Amino acid sequence: MTIRVQQDAFDLGAEVAGFATDRKDAGALVTFTGIVRDLTDTDLTVMEIEHYPGMTEKALGAIADQAAKRWSLADVLVIHRYGRMSPGDRIMMVATAAKHRKDAFEAAEFLMDYLKSRAPFWKKEITSDGSEWVNSKAEDEAALTRW
């Protein structure tokens, strides 16, 4: 299991290739990449993400541990960025490896839902109109009820 919280951008192709290299313990690999999206009502200039080092990695590790215990996973990779990002930048990545695709898909969805709602990151959207902290969305909280 690998958990990384980093400021620098990551190479999606290299991360997936590295995660898949010499993988003989899994028949399925699932990946998800989150991207900073522009806003519908105004242009997003920058998204700033803050976190508490140490606490964040511990929380992400606990979420990944839950997934590994719940599904039969061979491996998990979670990368989450912090700092200033522009629309189109990669913000996070989840990869799961399992013997069977159902476990890999469900574990990846679980990780994505919990990372979106429970990971200790604080996001601020900066637009030409000013800046605003991003609040939790009801649909993100509701997604957790299926787990």
N, C-alpha and C. Protein backbone atom coordinates (compact mmCIF):
# COMPACT_ATOMS: atom_id res chain seq x y z
N MET A 1 0.85 -1.17 0.00
CA MET A 1 0.00 0.00 0.00
C MET A 1 0.90 1.23 0.00
N THR A 2 0.57 2.17 -0.88
CA THR A 2 1.34 3.41 -0.97
C THR A 2 0.39 4.59 -0.84
N ILE A 3 0.72 5.49 0.08
CA ILE A 3 -0.03 6.73 0.28
C ILE A 3 0.95 7.88 0.11
N ARG A 4 0.64 8.80 -0.81
CA ARG A 4 1.51 9.96 -1.00
C ARG A 4 0.69 11.23 -1.01
N VAL A 5 1.12 12.18 -0.23
CA VAL A 5 0.55 13.53 -0.24
C VAL A 5 1.69 14.43 -0.69
N GLN A 6 1.47 15.11 -1.80
CA GLN A 6 2.59 15.84 -2.40
C GLN A 6 2.11 17.12 -3.08
N GLN A 7 3.02 18.06 -3.20
CA GLN A 7 2.72 19.31 -3.89
C GLN A 7 2.92 19.18 -5.39
N ASP A 8 3.92 18.41 -5.79
CA ASP A 8 4.27 18.30 -7.20
C ASP A 8 3.24 17.50 -7.99
N ALA A 9 3.13 17.85 -9.26
CA ALA A 9 2.27 17.09 -10.18
C ALA A 9 2.83 15.68 -10.32
N PHE A 10 1.97 14.74 -10.69
CA PHE A 10 2.41 13.37 -10.91
C PHE A 10 2.13 12.97 -12.35
N ASP A 11 2.93 12.05 -12.84
CA ASP A 11 2.80 11.53 -14.20
C ASP A 11 1.86 10.34 -14.14
N LEU A 12 0.65 10.52 -14.63
CA LEU A 12 -0.37 9.49 -14.55
C LEU A 12 0.08 8.18 -15.21
N GLY A 13 0.62 8.28 -16.40
CA GLY A 13 1.07 7.08 -17.11
C GLY A 13 2.16 6.34 -16.34
N ALA A 14 3.10 7.06 -15.80
CA ALA A 14 4.19 6.43 -15.04
C ALA A 14 3.66 5.79 -13.76
N GLU A 15 2.71 6.45 -13.10
CA GLU A 15 2.14 5.90 -11.86
C GLU A 15 1.39 4.60 -12.14
N VAL A 16 0.58 4.60 -13.20
CA VAL A 16 -0.18 3.39 -13.53
C VAL A 16 0.78 2.28 -13.95
N ALA A 17 1.76 2.61 -14.79
CA ALA A 17 2.73 1.60 -15.22
C ALA A 17 3.49 1.02 -14.04
N GLY A 18 3.91 1.87 -13.11
CA GLY A 18 4.62 1.40 -11.93
C GLY A 18 3.75 0.52 -11.05
N PHE A 19 2.49 0.88 -10.92
CA PHE A 19 1.56 0.11 -10.10
C PHE A 19 1.29 -1.26 -10.72
N ALA A 20 1.31 -1.32 -12.06
CA ALA A 20 0.99 -2.56 -12.77
C ALA A 20 2.19 -3.46 -13.03
N THR A 21 3.40 -2.93 -12.88
CA THR A 21 4.60 -3.69 -13.21
C THR A 21 4.73 -4.95 -12.37
N ASP A 22 4.98 -6.04 -13.05
CA ASP A 22 5.19 -7.35 -12.42
C ASP A 22 4.04 -7.77 -11.52
N ARG A 23 2.86 -7.33 -11.84
CA ARG A 23 1.67 -7.63 -11.03
C ARG A 23 1.13 -8.99 -11.43
N LYS A 24 1.46 -10.02 -10.66
CA LYS A 24 0.98 -11.37 -10.94
C LYS A 24 -0.04 -11.82 -9.89
N ASP A 25 -0.27 -10.95 -8.91
CA ASP A 25 -1.18 -11.29 -7.82
C ASP A 25 -2.58 -10.74 -8.03
N ALA A 26 -2.84 -10.14 -9.20
CA ALA A 26 -4.13 -9.51 -9.45
C ALA A 26 -4.56 -9.73 -10.89
N GLY A 27 -5.87 -9.88 -11.06
CA GLY A 27 -6.43 -9.98 -12.40
C GLY A 27 -7.13 -8.70 -12.81
N ALA A 28 -7.17 -7.72 -11.90
CA ALA A 28 -7.86 -6.46 -12.19
C ALA A 28 -7.11 -5.30 -11.57
N LEU A 29 -6.99 -4.25 -12.36
CA LEU A 29 -6.44 -2.97 -11.90
C LEU A 29 -7.45 -1.89 -12.22
N VAL A 30 -7.82 -1.10 -11.24
CA VAL A 30 -8.75 0.00 -11.46
C VAL A 30 -8.05 1.29 -11.04
N THR A 31 -8.16 2.31 -11.88
CA THR A 31 -7.59 3.61 -11.53
C THR A 31 -8.63 4.70 -11.70
N PHE A 32 -8.48 5.73 -10.89
CA PHE A 32 -9.31 6.93 -11.00
C PHE A 32 -8.40 8.12 -10.79
N THR A 33 -8.60 9.14 -11.61
CA THR A 33 -7.84 10.37 -11.47
C THR A 33 -8.79 11.54 -11.36
N GLY A 34 -8.64 12.31 -10.29
CA GLY A 34 -9.44 13.52 -10.11
C GLY A 34 -8.71 14.71 -10.72
N ILE A 35 -9.47 15.56 -11.39
CA ILE A 35 -8.92 16.71 -12.09
C ILE A 35 -9.62 17.97 -11.60
N VAL A 36 -8.87 19.06 -11.43
CA VAL A 36 -9.47 20.34 -11.04
C VAL A 36 -10.34 20.79 -12.20
N ARG A 37 -11.62 20.99 -11.91
CA ARG A 37 -12.53 21.42 -12.98
C ARG A 37 -12.87 22.89 -12.80
N ASP A 38 -13.19 23.51 -13.91
CA ASP A 38 -13.60 24.91 -13.89
C ASP A 38 -15.00 25.00 -13.29
N LEU A 39 -15.37 26.16 -12.86
CA LEU A 39 -16.70 26.39 -12.29
C LEU A 39 -17.68 26.73 -13.39
N THR A 40 -18.95 26.45 -13.17
CA THR A 40 -19.96 26.71 -14.20
C THR A 40 -20.40 28.17 -14.23
N ASP A 41 -20.41 28.83 -13.08
CA ASP A 41 -20.94 30.20 -13.04
C ASP A 41 -19.87 31.28 -13.11
N THR A 42 -18.63 30.94 -12.93
CA THR A 42 -17.52 31.90 -13.02
C THR A 42 -16.24 31.12 -13.32
N ASP A 43 -15.24 31.79 -13.83
CA ASP A 43 -13.99 31.11 -14.16
C ASP A 43 -13.13 30.92 -12.92
N LEU A 44 -12.70 29.67 -12.73
CA LEU A 44 -11.78 29.36 -11.64
C LEU A 44 -10.37 29.72 -12.07
N THR A 45 -9.72 30.56 -11.31
CA THR A 45 -8.34 30.92 -11.58
C THR A 45 -7.41 29.88 -10.99
N VAL A 46 -7.62 29.60 -9.69
CA VAL A 46 -6.75 28.69 -8.96
C VAL A 46 -7.56 28.00 -7.87
N MET A 47 -7.22 26.74 -7.60
CA MET A 47 -7.73 26.07 -6.41
C MET A 47 -6.54 25.86 -5.49
N GLU A 48 -6.70 26.26 -4.24
CA GLU A 48 -5.66 26.04 -3.23
C GLU A 48 -6.12 24.94 -2.29
N ILE A 49 -5.25 23.99 -2.04
CA ILE A 49 -5.58 22.89 -1.13
C ILE A 49 -4.55 22.91 0.00
N GLU A 50 -5.08 22.90 1.22
CA GLU A 50 -4.23 22.87 2.41
C GLU A 50 -4.46 21.57 3.17
N HIS A 51 -3.48 21.19 3.98
CA HIS A 51 -3.60 19.99 4.80
C HIS A 51 -2.62 20.10 5.96
N TYR A 52 -2.76 19.20 6.93
CA TYR A 52 -1.82 19.10 8.04
C TYR A 52 -0.93 17.89 7.81
N PRO A 53 0.35 18.11 7.51
CA PRO A 53 1.26 16.97 7.29
C PRO A 53 1.26 16.03 8.50
N GLY A 54 1.34 14.77 8.21
CA GLY A 54 1.30 13.76 9.27
C GLY A 54 -0.12 13.31 9.53
N MET A 55 -0.99 14.23 9.87
CA MET A 55 -2.39 13.91 10.12
C MET A 55 -3.06 13.42 8.83
N THR A 56 -2.77 14.08 7.74
CA THR A 56 -3.39 13.73 6.46
C THR A 56 -2.99 12.34 6.01
N GLU A 57 -1.70 12.05 6.04
CA GLU A 57 -1.23 10.74 5.63
C GLU A 57 -1.82 9.63 6.50
N LYS A 58 -1.92 9.91 7.80
CA LYS A 58 -2.50 8.92 8.72
C LYS A 58 -3.97 8.66 8.37
N ALA A 59 -4.72 9.71 8.09
CA ALA A 59 -6.14 9.57 7.73
C ALA A 59 -6.30 8.81 6.41
N LEU A 60 -5.49 9.13 5.42
CA LEU A 60 -5.57 8.44 4.13
C LEU A 60 -5.19 6.97 4.29
N GLY A 61 -4.19 6.70 5.11
CA GLY A 61 -3.80 5.33 5.38
C GLY A 61 -4.91 4.54 6.05
N ALA A 62 -5.64 5.17 6.98
CA ALA A 62 -6.75 4.50 7.66
C ALA A 62 -7.87 4.17 6.68
N ILE A 63 -8.15 5.08 5.76
CA ILE A 63 -9.19 4.83 4.75
C ILE A 63 -8.75 3.68 3.84
N ALA A 64 -7.49 3.68 3.43
CA ALA A 64 -6.98 2.60 2.57
C ALA A 64 -6.97 1.27 3.32
N ASP A 65 -6.64 1.29 4.60
CA ASP A 65 -6.68 0.06 5.41
C ASP A 65 -8.09 -0.51 5.47
N GLN A 66 -9.09 0.37 5.61
CA GLN A 66 -10.48 -0.09 5.63
C GLN A 66 -10.82 -0.80 4.32
N ALA A 67 -10.41 -0.20 3.21
CA ALA A 67 -10.69 -0.80 1.90
C ALA A 67 -10.00 -2.16 1.77
N ALA A 68 -8.75 -2.24 2.20
CA ALA A 68 -8.00 -3.50 2.09
C ALA A 68 -8.62 -4.60 2.94
N LYS A 69 -9.19 -4.25 4.07
CA LYS A 69 -9.83 -5.25 4.93
C LYS A 69 -11.19 -5.67 4.39
N ARG A 70 -11.87 -4.76 3.75
CA ARG A 70 -13.22 -5.03 3.28
C ARG A 70 -13.25 -5.81 1.97
N TRP A 71 -12.28 -5.53 1.09
CA TRP A 71 -12.20 -6.21 -0.20
C TRP A 71 -10.88 -6.96 -0.27
N SER A 72 -10.85 -7.95 -1.10
CA SER A 72 -9.64 -8.75 -1.26
C SER A 72 -8.69 -8.03 -2.22
N LEU A 73 -7.89 -7.13 -1.68
CA LEU A 73 -7.00 -6.31 -2.50
C LEU A 73 -5.56 -6.80 -2.44
N ALA A 74 -4.92 -6.77 -3.58
CA ALA A 74 -3.49 -7.08 -3.64
C ALA A 74 -2.67 -5.84 -3.31
N ASP A 75 -3.21 -4.64 -3.67
CA ASP A 75 -2.46 -3.41 -3.45
C ASP A 75 -3.37 -2.20 -3.61
N VAL A 76 -2.93 -1.10 -3.03
CA VAL A 76 -3.64 0.19 -3.11
C VAL A 76 -2.61 1.29 -3.30
N LEU A 77 -2.94 2.25 -4.13
CA LEU A 77 -2.13 3.46 -4.31
C LEU A 77 -3.06 4.66 -4.19
N VAL A 78 -2.70 5.60 -3.35
CA VAL A 78 -3.44 6.86 -3.22
C VAL A 78 -2.43 7.99 -3.31
N ILE A 79 -2.65 8.89 -4.25
CA ILE A 79 -1.85 10.10 -4.37
C ILE A 79 -2.80 11.28 -4.28
N HIS A 80 -2.49 12.24 -3.43
CA HIS A 80 -3.31 13.46 -3.33
C HIS A 80 -2.38 14.65 -3.25
N ARG A 81 -2.68 15.65 -4.04
CA ARG A 81 -1.85 16.85 -4.09
C ARG A 81 -2.39 17.94 -3.17
N TYR A 82 -1.51 18.87 -2.84
CA TYR A 82 -1.89 20.08 -2.11
C TYR A 82 -1.16 21.24 -2.77
N GLY A 83 -1.54 22.45 -2.41
CA GLY A 83 -0.94 23.64 -2.99
C GLY A 83 -1.88 24.28 -4.00
N ARG A 84 -1.30 25.05 -4.91
CA ARG A 84 -2.07 25.78 -5.91
C ARG A 84 -2.16 24.99 -7.21
N MET A 85 -3.39 24.83 -7.69
CA MET A 85 -3.62 24.09 -8.93
C MET A 85 -4.61 24.86 -9.81
N SER A 86 -4.45 24.68 -11.09
CA SER A 86 -5.32 25.32 -12.08
C SER A 86 -6.29 24.31 -12.67
N PRO A 87 -7.38 24.80 -13.29
CA PRO A 87 -8.29 23.87 -13.97
C PRO A 87 -7.52 23.00 -14.96
N GLY A 88 -7.83 21.71 -14.94
CA GLY A 88 -7.15 20.74 -15.80
C GLY A 88 -6.01 20.01 -15.11
N ASP A 89 -5.52 20.52 -13.98
CA ASP A 89 -4.45 19.84 -13.26
C ASP A 89 -4.98 18.60 -12.56
N ARG A 90 -4.13 17.59 -12.47
CA ARG A 90 -4.50 16.38 -11.72
C ARG A 90 -4.38 16.68 -10.23
N ILE A 91 -5.42 16.34 -9.50
CA ILE A 91 -5.47 16.63 -8.07
C ILE A 91 -5.24 15.38 -7.22
N MET A 92 -5.69 14.24 -7.71
CA MET A 92 -5.53 12.99 -6.95
C MET A 92 -5.66 11.78 -7.85
N MET A 93 -5.20 10.65 -7.30
CA MET A 93 -5.29 9.39 -8.03
C MET A 93 -5.50 8.26 -7.03
N VAL A 94 -6.35 7.32 -7.41
CA VAL A 94 -6.56 6.10 -6.63
C VAL A 94 -6.34 4.94 -7.59
N ALA A 95 -5.61 3.93 -7.14
CA ALA A 95 -5.46 2.70 -7.91
C ALA A 95 -5.65 1.52 -6.96
N THR A 96 -6.38 0.52 -7.43
CA THR A 96 -6.58 -0.70 -6.66
C THR A 96 -6.24 -1.89 -7.54
N ALA A 97 -5.68 -2.90 -6.91
CA ALA A 97 -5.38 -4.16 -7.60
C ALA A 97 -6.02 -5.28 -6.80
N ALA A 98 -6.71 -6.18 -7.50
CA ALA A 98 -7.38 -7.30 -6.85
C ALA A 98 -7.42 -8.48 -7.80
N LYS A 99 -7.69 -9.66 -7.25
CA LYS A 99 -7.81 -10.84 -8.09
C LYS A 99 -8.98 -10.71 -9.05
N HIS A 100 -10.05 -10.07 -8.58
CA HIS A 100 -11.27 -9.96 -9.37
C HIS A 100 -11.70 -8.50 -9.51
N ARG A 101 -12.29 -8.17 -10.66
CA ARG A 101 -12.64 -6.78 -10.95
C ARG A 101 -13.65 -6.19 -9.99
N LYS A 102 -14.59 -6.99 -9.49
CA LYS A 102 -15.61 -6.46 -8.58
C LYS A 102 -14.95 -5.85 -7.34
N ASP A 103 -14.00 -6.57 -6.75
CA ASP A 103 -13.29 -6.04 -5.58
C ASP A 103 -12.51 -4.78 -5.94
N ALA A 104 -11.83 -4.79 -7.08
CA ALA A 104 -11.04 -3.63 -7.48
C ALA A 104 -11.92 -2.40 -7.71
N PHE A 105 -13.04 -2.58 -8.41
CA PHE A 105 -13.94 -1.46 -8.67
C PHE A 105 -14.59 -0.94 -7.39
N GLU A 106 -15.13 -1.84 -6.58
CA GLU A 106 -15.82 -1.40 -5.37
C GLU A 106 -14.86 -0.72 -4.40
N ALA A 107 -13.68 -1.26 -4.24
CA ALA A 107 -12.70 -0.65 -3.35
C ALA A 107 -12.30 0.73 -3.85
N ALA A 108 -12.12 0.87 -5.16
CA ALA A 108 -11.76 2.18 -5.72
C ALA A 108 -12.89 3.19 -5.48
N GLU A 109 -14.13 2.78 -5.68
CA GLU A 109 -15.26 3.69 -5.42
C GLU A 109 -15.35 4.08 -3.95
N PHE A 110 -15.15 3.11 -3.07
CA PHE A 110 -15.14 3.37 -1.63
C PHE A 110 -14.06 4.41 -1.30
N LEU A 111 -12.86 4.18 -1.81
CA LEU A 111 -11.76 5.11 -1.56
C LEU A 111 -12.08 6.51 -2.06
N MET A 112 -12.62 6.60 -3.27
CA MET A 112 -12.94 7.91 -3.84
C MET A 112 -13.99 8.62 -3.01
N ASP A 113 -15.04 7.89 -2.60
CA ASP A 113 -16.10 8.51 -1.80
C ASP A 113 -15.57 9.00 -0.45
N TYR A 114 -14.77 8.17 0.21
CA TYR A 114 -14.24 8.56 1.51
C TYR A 114 -13.18 9.65 1.41
N LEU A 115 -12.37 9.62 0.37
CA LEU A 115 -11.38 10.67 0.20
C LEU A 115 -12.07 12.01 -0.06
N LYS A 116 -13.13 11.99 -0.83
CA LYS A 116 -13.86 13.22 -1.14
C LYS A 116 -14.49 13.84 0.11
N SER A 117 -14.99 13.00 1.01
CA SER A 117 -15.76 13.51 2.15
C SER A 117 -15.02 13.50 3.48
N ARG A 118 -14.04 12.63 3.66
CA ARG A 118 -13.43 12.46 4.98
C ARG A 118 -11.94 12.78 5.06
N ALA A 119 -11.28 12.90 3.93
CA ALA A 119 -9.86 13.21 3.97
C ALA A 119 -9.67 14.65 4.44
N PRO A 120 -8.71 14.89 5.33
CA PRO A 120 -8.54 16.24 5.91
C PRO A 120 -7.77 17.18 4.98
N PHE A 121 -8.47 17.61 3.94
CA PHE A 121 -7.97 18.64 3.03
C PHE A 121 -8.95 19.80 3.05
N TRP A 122 -8.43 21.02 2.90
CA TRP A 122 -9.27 22.20 2.85
C TRP A 122 -9.01 22.88 1.51
N LYS A 123 -10.11 23.11 0.78
CA LYS A 123 -10.00 23.64 -0.58
C LYS A 123 -10.58 25.04 -0.65
N LYS A 124 -9.83 25.91 -1.32
CA LYS A 124 -10.29 27.27 -1.56
C LYS A 124 -10.29 27.53 -3.06
N GLU A 125 -11.42 28.01 -3.57
CA GLU A 125 -11.53 28.37 -4.99
C GLU A 125 -11.29 29.86 -5.13
N ILE A 126 -10.38 30.22 -6.04
CA ILE A 126 -10.06 31.61 -6.28
C ILE A 126 -10.51 31.94 -7.70
N THR A 127 -11.39 32.95 -7.81
CA THR A 127 -11.93 33.39 -9.10
C THR A 127 -11.68 34.88 -9.25
N SER A 128 -12.09 35.42 -10.38
CA SER A 128 -11.96 36.86 -10.58
C SER A 128 -12.88 37.63 -9.63
N ASP A 129 -13.87 36.95 -9.06
CA ASP A 129 -14.80 37.57 -8.11
C ASP A 129 -14.31 37.51 -6.67
N GLY A 130 -13.21 36.80 -6.41
CA GLY A 130 -12.70 36.67 -5.05
C GLY A 130 -12.38 35.22 -4.74
N SER A 131 -12.37 34.90 -3.45
CA SER A 131 -12.06 33.52 -3.05
C SER A 131 -13.09 33.02 -2.05
N GLU A 132 -13.25 31.70 -2.04
CA GLU A 132 -14.24 31.07 -1.16
C GLU A 132 -13.79 29.66 -0.82
N TRP A 133 -13.91 29.31 0.47
CA TRP A 133 -13.63 27.95 0.90
C TRP A 133 -14.74 27.04 0.40
N VAL A 134 -14.38 25.84 -0.02
CA VAL A 134 -15.34 24.88 -0.56
C VAL A 134 -15.95 24.09 0.60
N ASN A 135 -17.27 24.12 0.67
CA ASN A 135 -17.98 23.36 1.70
C ASN A 135 -18.30 21.97 1.21
N SER A 136 -18.53 21.07 2.15
CA SER A 136 -18.95 19.71 1.84
C SER A 136 -20.29 19.75 1.12
N LYS A 137 -20.45 18.88 0.12
CA LYS A 137 -21.70 18.82 -0.64
C LYS A 137 -22.56 17.67 -0.12
N ALA A 138 -23.85 17.89 -0.09
CA ALA A 138 -24.79 16.88 0.40
C ALA A 138 -24.68 15.58 -0.38
N GLU A 139 -24.50 15.66 -1.70
CA GLU A 139 -24.42 14.43 -2.49
C GLU A 139 -23.15 13.63 -2.19
N ASP A 140 -22.08 14.33 -1.80
CA ASP A 140 -20.86 13.61 -1.42
C ASP A 140 -21.06 12.88 -0.10
N GLU A 141 -21.74 13.52 0.84
CA GLU A 141 -22.04 12.88 2.12
C GLU A 141 -23.01 11.70 1.92
N ALA A 142 -23.98 11.88 1.04
CA ALA A 142 -24.95 10.82 0.77
C ALA A 142 -24.29 9.59 0.14
N ALA A 143 -23.24 9.82 -0.65
CA ALA A 143 -22.54 8.70 -1.29
C ALA A 143 -21.95 7.74 -0.26
N LEU A 144 -21.64 8.23 0.91
CA LEU A 144 -21.05 7.39 1.95
C LEU A 144 -22.04 6.37 2.52
N THR A 145 -23.33 6.64 2.37
CA THR A 145 -24.34 5.75 2.98
C THR A 145 -24.37 4.37 2.32
N ARG A 146 -23.87 4.25 1.10
CA ARG A 146 -23.89 2.94 0.46
C ARG A 146 -22.81 2.00 1.00
N TRP A 147 -21.88 2.55 1.76
CA TRP A 147 -20.81 1.72 2.30
C TRP A 147 -21.09 1.36 3.74
